[in-house]
Amino acid sequence: MNLVLNAAEAIGEAGEVLIKTGVVRIDGSGGAEPSLPAGDYVMLSIADSGPGISADDMKQIFEPFYTKKKLGRSGTGIGLTVVWNCMQEHGGQVSVASDGEHGTCFTLYFPLAGDGQSLEVDPVKVDGTLGHGEKILIVDDEARQRTIASEILTELGYSVAAVTSGEEAIAWLRKQDAALLILDMLMEPGINGLETYTAIVRFKPQQKALIVSGYSDAENVNQTLALGAEEFLSKPYTLEQIGAAVGRILGGPDQGKHDI
């Protein structure tokens, strides 16, 4: 969806977004092929007829915190870095082609599951402490991300509030307390996660925070951790991952597992 929204914005008022799927075989010989082990892959491509991406932008397009405004994309707020990270975690690859003038094509290669592979999913087990009504404040400018985090943490037994910006988080915490912040790093418009946490620890120096973002290599993340934030969790995350992270931060000697 993120790539399709980017393509739709690129074409503006008129143009074409073309989505293709297929199965391709990579022989591992290199050349024009993706640098993937030999085998069969599911291919998904999203192409647009927009103005294309310049050579300079192409060099940095997957880099964390590379400004979206420079490329004219609003997207979902998750960013191309997360697309790249997802493909790496799935043993696949994403590539991009553009001549800078006549459109752009992103191509994703997913390893093809073998015949007879089980599709059964084991019950999710969350390592860590279940909530006992502790208040958690979610700070994220994306409505979908707030909803996902809120539903998961409520299911795990926490009391959840959510705000849309760093400025709102600061105002909220001046009036009440939260056991933990779930803090996004890149929020627009307004201050980012580092600026938000810097302001908060001035009047709540012991405030615990979990950074949840798609931008894991940014200096801002390291600075926020140095200020006292406990952990970093990359988007997108699973129920198990965020449950375990929150449990580690807020948990005590009664840590256990919860089947969902």
C-alpha atoms as a PDB file:
ATOM      1  CA  MET A   1       0.000   0.000   0.000  1.00  0.00           C
ATOM      2  CA  ASN A   2       2.851   2.352   0.844  1.00  0.00           C
ATOM      3  CA  LEU A   3       4.401   1.882  -2.591  1.00  0.00           C
ATOM      4  CA  VAL A   4       1.053   2.320  -4.355  1.00  0.00           C
ATOM      5  CA  LEU A   5       0.362   5.558  -2.482  1.00  0.00           C
ATOM      6  CA  ASN A   6       3.824   6.814  -3.396  1.00  0.00           C
ATOM      7  CA  ALA A   7       3.152   5.971  -7.051  1.00  0.00           C
ATOM      8  CA  ALA A   8      -0.261   7.669  -6.979  1.00  0.00           C
ATOM      9  CA  GLU A   9       1.272  10.843  -5.605  1.00  0.00           C
ATOM     10  CA  ALA A  10       4.030  10.732  -8.218  1.00  0.00           C
ATOM     11  CA  ILE A  11       1.592  10.788 -11.144  1.00  0.00           C
ATOM     12  CA  GLY A  12      -0.392  13.730  -9.766  1.00  0.00           C
ATOM     13  CA  GLU A  13      -3.673  14.548 -11.514  1.00  0.00           C
ATOM     14  CA  ALA A  14      -3.215  12.143 -14.425  1.00  0.00           C
ATOM     15  CA  GLY A  15      -1.114   9.088 -15.162  1.00  0.00           C
ATOM     16  CA  GLU A  16      -0.891   5.363 -14.667  1.00  0.00           C
ATOM     17  CA  VAL A  17      -0.006   3.050 -11.788  1.00  0.00           C
ATOM     18  CA  LEU A  18       0.631  -0.499 -12.982  1.00  0.00           C
ATOM     19  CA  ILE A  19       0.795  -3.436 -10.552  1.00  0.00           C
ATOM     20  CA  LYS A  20       2.132  -6.784 -11.750  1.00  0.00           C
ATOM     21  CA  THR A  21       2.655 -10.138 -10.074  1.00  0.00           C
ATOM     22  CA  GLY A  22       4.343 -13.286 -11.272  1.00  0.00           C
ATOM     23  CA  VAL A  23       6.790 -16.061 -10.518  1.00  0.00           C
ATOM     24  CA  VAL A  24      10.379 -15.659 -11.689  1.00  0.00           C
ATOM     25  CA  ARG A  25      13.371 -18.002 -11.568  1.00  0.00           C
ATOM     26  CA  ILE A  26      16.738 -16.584 -10.571  1.00  0.00           C
ATOM     27  CA  ASP A  27      19.777 -18.672 -11.501  1.00  0.00           C
ATOM     28  CA  GLY A  28      22.200 -16.826  -9.240  1.00  0.00           C
ATOM     29  CA  SER A  29      24.515 -15.824 -12.073  1.00  0.00           C
ATOM     30  CA  GLY A  30      24.299 -12.123 -11.225  1.00  0.00           C
ATOM     31  CA  GLY A  31      24.333  -9.643 -14.062  1.00  0.00           C
ATOM     32  CA  ALA A  32      20.992  -7.883 -14.372  1.00  0.00           C
ATOM     33  CA  GLU A  33      19.377 -10.296 -11.900  1.00  0.00           C
ATOM     34  CA  PRO A  34      18.747  -9.410  -8.256  1.00  0.00           C
ATOM     35  CA  SER A  35      21.562 -10.503  -5.922  1.00  0.00           C
ATOM     36  CA  LEU A  36      19.566 -13.395  -4.457  1.00  0.00           C
ATOM     37  CA  PRO A  37      20.254 -17.121  -4.076  1.00  0.00           C
ATOM     38  CA  ALA A  38      19.186 -19.222  -7.049  1.00  0.00           C
ATOM     39  CA  GLY A  39      15.571 -20.329  -6.899  1.00  0.00           C
ATOM     40  CA  ASP A  40      11.967 -19.398  -7.610  1.00  0.00           C
ATOM     41  CA  TYR A  41      10.561 -16.096  -6.355  1.00  0.00           C
ATOM     42  CA  VAL A  42       7.183 -14.400  -6.291  1.00  0.00           C
ATOM     43  CA  MET A  43       7.549 -11.026  -7.977  1.00  0.00           C
ATOM     44  CA  LEU A  44       5.452  -7.943  -7.192  1.00  0.00           C
ATOM     45  CA  SER A  45       6.092  -4.721  -9.093  1.00  0.00           C
ATOM     46  CA  ILE A  46       4.530  -1.279  -8.737  1.00  0.00           C
ATOM     47  CA  ALA A  47       5.286   1.116 -11.592  1.00  0.00           C
ATOM     48  CA  ASP A  48       4.120   4.665 -12.233  1.00  0.00           C
ATOM     49  CA  SER A  49       4.248   7.035 -15.187  1.00  0.00           C
ATOM     50  CA  GLY A  50       5.334  10.014 -13.097  1.00  0.00           C
ATOM     51  CA  PRO A  51       8.423  12.167 -13.566  1.00  0.00           C
ATOM     52  CA  GLY A  52      10.812   9.611 -12.105  1.00  0.00           C
ATOM     53  CA  ILE A  53      13.506   9.851  -9.441  1.00  0.00           C
ATOM     54  CA  SER A  54      16.809  11.623  -9.963  1.00  0.00           C
ATOM     55  CA  ALA A  55      20.106   9.741  -9.833  1.00  0.00           C
ATOM     56  CA  ASP A  56      21.121  11.573  -6.638  1.00  0.00           C
ATOM     57  CA  ASP A  57      17.875  10.633  -4.876  1.00  0.00           C
ATOM     58  CA  MET A  58      18.157   7.019  -6.062  1.00  0.00           C
ATOM     59  CA  LYS A  59      21.405   6.637  -4.113  1.00  0.00           C
ATOM     60  CA  GLN A  60      19.667   7.455  -0.817  1.00  0.00           C
ATOM     61  CA  ILE A  61      16.085   6.399  -1.353  1.00  0.00           C
ATOM     62  CA  PHE A  62      16.127   3.544   1.200  1.00  0.00           C
ATOM     63  CA  GLU A  63      18.198   5.379   3.813  1.00  0.00           C
ATOM     64  CA  PRO A  64      16.683   6.040   7.253  1.00  0.00           C
ATOM     65  CA  PHE A  65      15.396   9.581   7.789  1.00  0.00           C
ATOM     66  CA  TYR A  66      15.945  10.494   4.132  1.00  0.00           C
ATOM     67  CA  THR A  67      13.418  13.306   3.845  1.00  0.00           C
ATOM     68  CA  LYS A  68      10.182  12.367   2.127  1.00  0.00           C
ATOM     69  CA  LYS A  69       9.480  15.936   1.141  1.00  0.00           C
ATOM     70  CA  LYS A  70      12.511  16.025  -1.115  1.00  0.00           C
ATOM     71  CA  LEU A  71      11.001  13.262  -3.193  1.00  0.00           C
ATOM     72  CA  GLY A  72       7.473  14.665  -2.946  1.00  0.00           C
ATOM     73  CA  ARG A  73       5.921  11.688  -1.181  1.00  0.00           C
ATOM     74  CA  SER A  74       3.624  11.588   1.816  1.00  0.00           C
ATOM     75  CA  GLY A  75       3.044   7.812   1.839  1.00  0.00           C
ATOM     76  CA  THR A  76       1.767   6.129   4.981  1.00  0.00           C
ATOM     77  CA  GLY A  77       4.388   7.564   7.319  1.00  0.00           C
ATOM     78  CA  ILE A  78       6.224   4.244   7.496  1.00  0.00           C
ATOM     79  CA  GLY A  79       8.704   4.939   4.710  1.00  0.00           C
ATOM     80  CA  LEU A  80      10.754   3.039   2.190  1.00  0.00           C
ATOM     81  CA  THR A  81      13.265   2.012   4.846  1.00  0.00           C
ATOM     82  CA  VAL A  82      10.625  -0.256   6.367  1.00  0.00           C
ATOM     83  CA  VAL A  83       9.827  -1.749   2.952  1.00  0.00           C
ATOM     84  CA  TRP A  84      13.515  -2.544   2.535  1.00  0.00           C
ATOM     85  CA  ASN A  85      13.782  -3.982   6.066  1.00  0.00           C
ATOM     86  CA  CYS A  86      10.709  -6.178   5.556  1.00  0.00           C
ATOM     87  CA  MET A  87      12.113  -7.665   2.386  1.00  0.00           C
ATOM     88  CA  GLN A  88      15.430  -8.401   4.092  1.00  0.00           C
ATOM     89  CA  GLU A  89      13.661 -10.139   6.978  1.00  0.00           C
ATOM     90  CA  HIS A  90      11.705 -12.305   4.514  1.00  0.00           C
ATOM     91  CA  GLY A  91      14.857 -13.346   2.663  1.00  0.00           C
ATOM     92  CA  GLY A  92      13.812 -11.302  -0.369  1.00  0.00           C
ATOM     93  CA  GLN A  93      14.813  -8.075  -2.027  1.00  0.00           C
ATOM     94  CA  VAL A  94      13.386  -4.787  -3.280  1.00  0.00           C
ATOM     95  CA  SER A  95      14.860  -2.953  -6.245  1.00  0.00           C
ATOM     96  CA  VAL A  96      13.987   0.336  -7.899  1.00  0.00           C
ATOM     97  CA  ALA A  97      14.452   1.483 -11.477  1.00  0.00           C
ATOM     98  CA  SER A  98      13.982   4.990 -12.885  1.00  0.00           C
ATOM     99  CA  ASP A  99      15.648   7.040 -15.569  1.00  0.00           C
ATOM    100  CA  GLY A 100      14.850  10.254 -13.725  1.00  0.00           C
ATOM    101  CA  GLU A 101      12.372  11.431 -16.357  1.00  0.00           C
ATOM    102  CA  HIS A 102       9.864   8.769 -17.351  1.00  0.00           C
ATOM    103  CA  GLY A 103       8.457   6.908 -14.378  1.00  0.00           C
ATOM    104  CA  THR A 104       9.618   4.635 -11.572  1.00  0.00           C
ATOM    105  CA  CYS A 105       9.249   0.911 -10.909  1.00  0.00           C
ATOM    106  CA  PHE A 106       9.707  -0.822  -7.548  1.00  0.00           C
ATOM    107  CA  THR A 107      10.072  -4.605  -7.784  1.00  0.00           C
ATOM    108  CA  LEU A 108       9.799  -6.923  -4.778  1.00  0.00           C
ATOM    109  CA  TYR A 109      11.064 -10.520  -4.822  1.00  0.00           C
ATOM    110  CA  PHE A 110       9.689 -12.957  -2.216  1.00  0.00           C
ATOM    111  CA  PRO A 111      11.101 -16.506  -1.842  1.00  0.00           C
ATOM    112  CA  LEU A 112       8.526 -18.984  -3.120  1.00  0.00           C
ATOM    113  CA  ALA A 113       7.320 -21.493  -0.514  1.00  0.00           C
ATOM    114  CA  GLY A 114       7.873 -25.130  -1.460  1.00  0.00           C
ATOM    115  CA  ASP A 115       5.055 -27.603  -2.115  1.00  0.00           C
ATOM    116  CA  GLY A 116       3.587 -29.143   0.992  1.00  0.00           C
ATOM    117  CA  GLN A 117       4.847 -26.463   3.362  1.00  0.00           C
ATOM    118  CA  SER A 118       2.588 -26.181   6.394  1.00  0.00           C
ATOM    119  CA  LEU A 119       0.497 -23.030   6.635  1.00  0.00           C
ATOM    120  CA  GLU A 120      -0.506 -23.653  10.238  1.00  0.00           C
ATOM    121  CA  VAL A 121       0.475 -20.910  12.667  1.00  0.00           C
ATOM    122  CA  ASP A 122       1.350 -21.662  16.274  1.00  0.00           C
ATOM    123  CA  PRO A 123      -0.423 -19.658  18.982  1.00  0.00           C
ATOM    124  CA  VAL A 124       1.390 -16.425  19.762  1.00  0.00           C
ATOM    125  CA  LYS A 125       3.303 -16.493  23.045  1.00  0.00           C
ATOM    126  CA  VAL A 126       4.301 -13.199  24.613  1.00  0.00           C
ATOM    127  CA  ASP A 127       7.336 -13.368  26.883  1.00  0.00           C
ATOM    128  CA  GLY A 128       7.038 -10.744  29.571  1.00  0.00           C
ATOM    129  CA  THR A 129       4.674  -9.356  32.137  1.00  0.00           C
ATOM    130  CA  LEU A 130       1.001  -9.012  31.320  1.00  0.00           C
ATOM    131  CA  GLY A 131      -0.460  -5.646  32.084  1.00  0.00           C
ATOM    132  CA  HIS A 132      -2.228  -4.839  35.312  1.00  0.00           C
ATOM    133  CA  GLY A 133      -3.807  -1.636  34.087  1.00  0.00           C
ATOM    134  CA  GLU A 134      -0.546   0.347  33.784  1.00  0.00           C
ATOM    135  CA  LYS A 135      -1.037   3.490  31.728  1.00  0.00           C
ATOM    136  CA  ILE A 136       0.789   3.561  28.390  1.00  0.00           C
ATOM    137  CA  LEU A 137       0.834   6.669  26.190  1.00  0.00           C
ATOM    138  CA  ILE A 138       1.224   6.092  22.446  1.00  0.00           C
ATOM    139  CA  VAL A 139       2.774   8.994  20.519  1.00  0.00           C
ATOM    140  CA  ASP A 140       2.424   8.568  16.751  1.00  0.00           C
ATOM    141  CA  ASP A 141       1.225  10.788  13.921  1.00  0.00           C
ATOM    142  CA  GLU A 142      -0.238   7.859  11.959  1.00  0.00           C
ATOM    143  CA  ALA A 143      -3.791   6.831  12.886  1.00  0.00           C
ATOM    144  CA  ARG A 144      -3.259   3.217  11.761  1.00  0.00           C
ATOM    145  CA  GLN A 145      -0.186   2.855  13.935  1.00  0.00           C
ATOM    146  CA  ARG A 146      -1.997   4.278  16.952  1.00  0.00           C
ATOM    147  CA  THR A 147      -4.897   1.888  16.418  1.00  0.00           C
ATOM    148  CA  ILE A 148      -2.683  -1.192  16.045  1.00  0.00           C
ATOM    149  CA  ALA A 149      -0.628  -0.417  19.148  1.00  0.00           C
ATOM    150  CA  SER A 150      -3.712   0.490  21.180  1.00  0.00           C
ATOM    151  CA  GLU A 151      -5.546  -2.731  20.339  1.00  0.00           C
ATOM    152  CA  ILE A 152      -2.539  -4.946  21.074  1.00  0.00           C
ATOM    153  CA  LEU A 153      -1.679  -3.301  24.382  1.00  0.00           C
ATOM    154  CA  THR A 154      -5.305  -3.237  25.517  1.00  0.00           C
ATOM    155  CA  GLU A 155      -5.525  -6.967  24.761  1.00  0.00           C
ATOM    156  CA  LEU A 156      -2.449  -7.519  26.923  1.00  0.00           C
ATOM    157  CA  GLY A 157      -4.047  -5.795  29.880  1.00  0.00           C
ATOM    158  CA  TYR A 158      -2.666  -2.263  29.760  1.00  0.00           C
ATOM    159  CA  SER A 159      -4.573   1.023  29.992  1.00  0.00           C
ATOM    160  CA  VAL A 160      -3.882   2.948  26.799  1.00  0.00           C
ATOM    161  CA  ALA A 161      -4.043   6.584  25.718  1.00  0.00           C
ATOM    162  CA  ALA A 162      -2.856   7.979  22.386  1.00  0.00           C
ATOM    163  CA  VAL A 163      -1.823  11.368  21.016  1.00  0.00           C
ATOM    164  CA  THR A 164      -0.912  12.474  17.517  1.00  0.00           C
ATOM    165  CA  SER A 165       2.202  14.593  18.108  1.00  0.00           C
ATOM    166  CA  GLY A 166       5.110  15.305  20.387  1.00  0.00           C
ATOM    167  CA  GLU A 167       3.542  18.585  21.427  1.00  0.00           C
ATOM    168  CA  GLU A 168       0.376  16.786  22.531  1.00  0.00           C
ATOM    169  CA  ALA A 169       2.439  14.219  24.444  1.00  0.00           C
ATOM    170  CA  ILE A 170       4.264  16.944  26.385  1.00  0.00           C
ATOM    171  CA  ALA A 171       0.984  18.674  27.290  1.00  0.00           C
ATOM    172  CA  TRP A 172      -0.613  15.339  28.301  1.00  0.00           C
ATOM    173  CA  LEU A 173       2.284  14.382  30.584  1.00  0.00           C
ATOM    174  CA  ARG A 174       2.314  17.752  32.312  1.00  0.00           C
ATOM    175  CA  LYS A 175      -1.155  16.921  33.638  1.00  0.00           C
ATOM    176  CA  GLN A 176      -0.923  13.179  34.287  1.00  0.00           C
ATOM    177  CA  ASP A 177       1.462  10.226  34.420  1.00  0.00           C
ATOM    178  CA  ALA A 178       2.226   7.293  32.144  1.00  0.00           C
ATOM    179  CA  ALA A 179       4.191   4.197  33.086  1.00  0.00           C
ATOM    180  CA  LEU A 180       5.571   4.039  29.549  1.00  0.00           C
ATOM    181  CA  LEU A 181       5.715   6.023  26.318  1.00  0.00           C
ATOM    182  CA  ILE A 182       5.447   4.259  22.960  1.00  0.00           C
ATOM    183  CA  LEU A 183       7.314   6.857  20.925  1.00  0.00           C
ATOM    184  CA  ASP A 184       7.495   7.283  17.155  1.00  0.00           C
ATOM    185  CA  MET A 185      10.633   9.017  15.878  1.00  0.00           C
ATOM    186  CA  LEU A 186       9.462  10.777  12.709  1.00  0.00           C
ATOM    187  CA  MET A 187       6.285  12.824  13.131  1.00  0.00           C
ATOM    188  CA  GLU A 188       5.054  15.521  10.771  1.00  0.00           C
ATOM    189  CA  PRO A 189       4.365  18.324  11.190  1.00  0.00           C
ATOM    190  CA  GLY A 190       5.922  19.293  14.498  1.00  0.00           C
ATOM    191  CA  ILE A 191       8.744  18.032  16.670  1.00  0.00           C
ATOM    192  CA  ASN A 192      10.246  14.563  16.259  1.00  0.00           C
ATOM    193  CA  GLY A 193      10.675  11.799  18.801  1.00  0.00           C
ATOM    194  CA  LEU A 194      14.071  12.972  20.030  1.00  0.00           C
ATOM    195  CA  GLU A 195      12.823  16.507  20.582  1.00  0.00           C
ATOM    196  CA  THR A 196       9.718  15.157  22.317  1.00  0.00           C
ATOM    197  CA  TYR A 197      11.640  12.947  24.729  1.00  0.00           C
ATOM    198  CA  THR A 198      14.232  15.673  25.402  1.00  0.00           C
ATOM    199  CA  ALA A 199      11.449  18.021  26.509  1.00  0.00           C
ATOM    200  CA  ILE A 200       9.706  15.352  28.598  1.00  0.00           C
ATOM    201  CA  VAL A 201      12.729  14.246  30.612  1.00  0.00           C
ATOM    202  CA  ARG A 202      13.303  17.847  31.678  1.00  0.00           C
ATOM    203  CA  PHE A 203      10.212  17.673  33.892  1.00  0.00           C
ATOM    204  CA  LYS A 204       9.897  13.849  34.177  1.00  0.00           C
ATOM    205  CA  PRO A 205      13.529  12.656  34.275  1.00  0.00           C
ATOM    206  CA  GLN A 206      12.577   9.034  35.072  1.00  0.00           C
ATOM    207  CA  GLN A 207      10.034   8.700  32.259  1.00  0.00           C
ATOM    208  CA  LYS A 208      10.325   5.287  30.595  1.00  0.00           C
ATOM    209  CA  ALA A 209      10.039   5.096  26.811  1.00  0.00           C
ATOM    210  CA  LEU A 210      10.012   2.477  24.070  1.00  0.00           C
ATOM    211  CA  ILE A 211      10.986   3.824  20.649  1.00  0.00           C
ATOM    212  CA  VAL A 212       8.826   2.263  17.929  1.00  0.00           C
ATOM    213  CA  SER A 213       9.890   3.400  14.473  1.00  0.00           C
ATOM    214  CA  GLY A 214      10.862   2.291  10.996  1.00  0.00           C
ATOM    215  CA  TYR A 215      14.152   4.170  11.113  1.00  0.00           C
ATOM    216  CA  SER A 216      16.601   2.079  13.095  1.00  0.00           C
ATOM    217  CA  ASP A 217      19.962   3.527  12.029  1.00  0.00           C
ATOM    218  CA  ALA A 218      19.337   7.204  12.636  1.00  0.00           C
ATOM    219  CA  GLU A 219      21.437   9.245  15.009  1.00  0.00           C
ATOM    220  CA  ASN A 220      18.230  10.556  16.560  1.00  0.00           C
ATOM    221  CA  VAL A 221      17.410   7.044  17.781  1.00  0.00           C
ATOM    222  CA  ASN A 222      20.813   6.669  19.443  1.00  0.00           C
ATOM    223  CA  GLN A 223      20.490  10.074  21.098  1.00  0.00           C
ATOM    224  CA  THR A 224      17.028   9.213  22.419  1.00  0.00           C
ATOM    225  CA  LEU A 225      18.342   5.957  23.868  1.00  0.00           C
ATOM    226  CA  ALA A 226      21.219   7.862  25.466  1.00  0.00           C
ATOM    227  CA  LEU A 227      18.694  10.174  27.145  1.00  0.00           C
ATOM    228  CA  GLY A 228      17.115   7.217  28.898  1.00  0.00           C
ATOM    229  CA  ALA A 229      14.716   5.489  26.488  1.00  0.00           C
ATOM    230  CA  GLU A 230      14.904   1.777  27.275  1.00  0.00           C
ATOM    231  CA  GLU A 231      14.617   0.016  23.923  1.00  0.00           C
ATOM    232  CA  PHE A 232      14.108   0.370  20.182  1.00  0.00           C
ATOM    233  CA  LEU A 233      11.517  -1.703  18.292  1.00  0.00           C
ATOM    234  CA  SER A 234      11.358  -1.626  14.518  1.00  0.00           C
ATOM    235  CA  LYS A 235       8.110  -1.203  12.590  1.00  0.00           C
ATOM    236  CA  PRO A 236       6.300  -3.268  11.558  1.00  0.00           C
ATOM    237  CA  TYR A 237       6.248  -5.372  14.721  1.00  0.00           C
ATOM    238  CA  THR A 238       4.293  -8.393  15.881  1.00  0.00           C
ATOM    239  CA  LEU A 239       2.109  -8.747  18.955  1.00  0.00           C
ATOM    240  CA  GLU A 240       4.798 -10.975  20.424  1.00  0.00           C
ATOM    241  CA  GLN A 241       7.564  -8.430  19.839  1.00  0.00           C
ATOM    242  CA  ILE A 242       5.843  -5.385  21.319  1.00  0.00           C
ATOM    243  CA  GLY A 243       4.371  -7.430  24.178  1.00  0.00           C
ATOM    244  CA  ALA A 244       7.804  -8.780  25.099  1.00  0.00           C
ATOM    245  CA  ALA A 245       9.432  -5.340  24.866  1.00  0.00           C
ATOM    246  CA  VAL A 246       6.826  -3.703  27.092  1.00  0.00           C
ATOM    247  CA  GLY A 247       7.068  -6.633  29.498  1.00  0.00           C
ATOM    248  CA  ARG A 248      10.835  -6.268  29.768  1.00  0.00           C
ATOM    249  CA  ILE A 249      10.535  -2.558  30.517  1.00  0.00           C
ATOM    250  CA  LEU A 250       7.619  -2.702  32.956  1.00  0.00           C
ATOM    251  CA  GLY A 251       7.902  -6.297  34.110  1.00  0.00           C
ATOM    252  CA  GLY A 252       8.872  -7.628  37.502  1.00  0.00           C
ATOM    253  CA  PRO A 253       9.590 -11.027  39.007  1.00  0.00           C
ATOM    254  CA  ASP A 254       6.205 -12.413  37.929  1.00  0.00           C
ATOM    255  CA  GLN A 255       7.069 -12.536  34.233  1.00  0.00           C
ATOM    256  CA  GLY A 256       5.325 -15.255  32.291  1.00  0.00           C
ATOM    257  CA  LYS A 257       3.734 -16.117  28.972  1.00  0.00           C
ATOM    258  CA  HIS A 258       0.348 -15.246  27.569  1.00  0.00           C
ATOM    259  CA  ASP A 259      -1.283 -17.209  24.750  1.00  0.00           C
ATOM    260  CA  ILE A 260      -3.449 -15.190  22.385  1.00  0.00           C
END
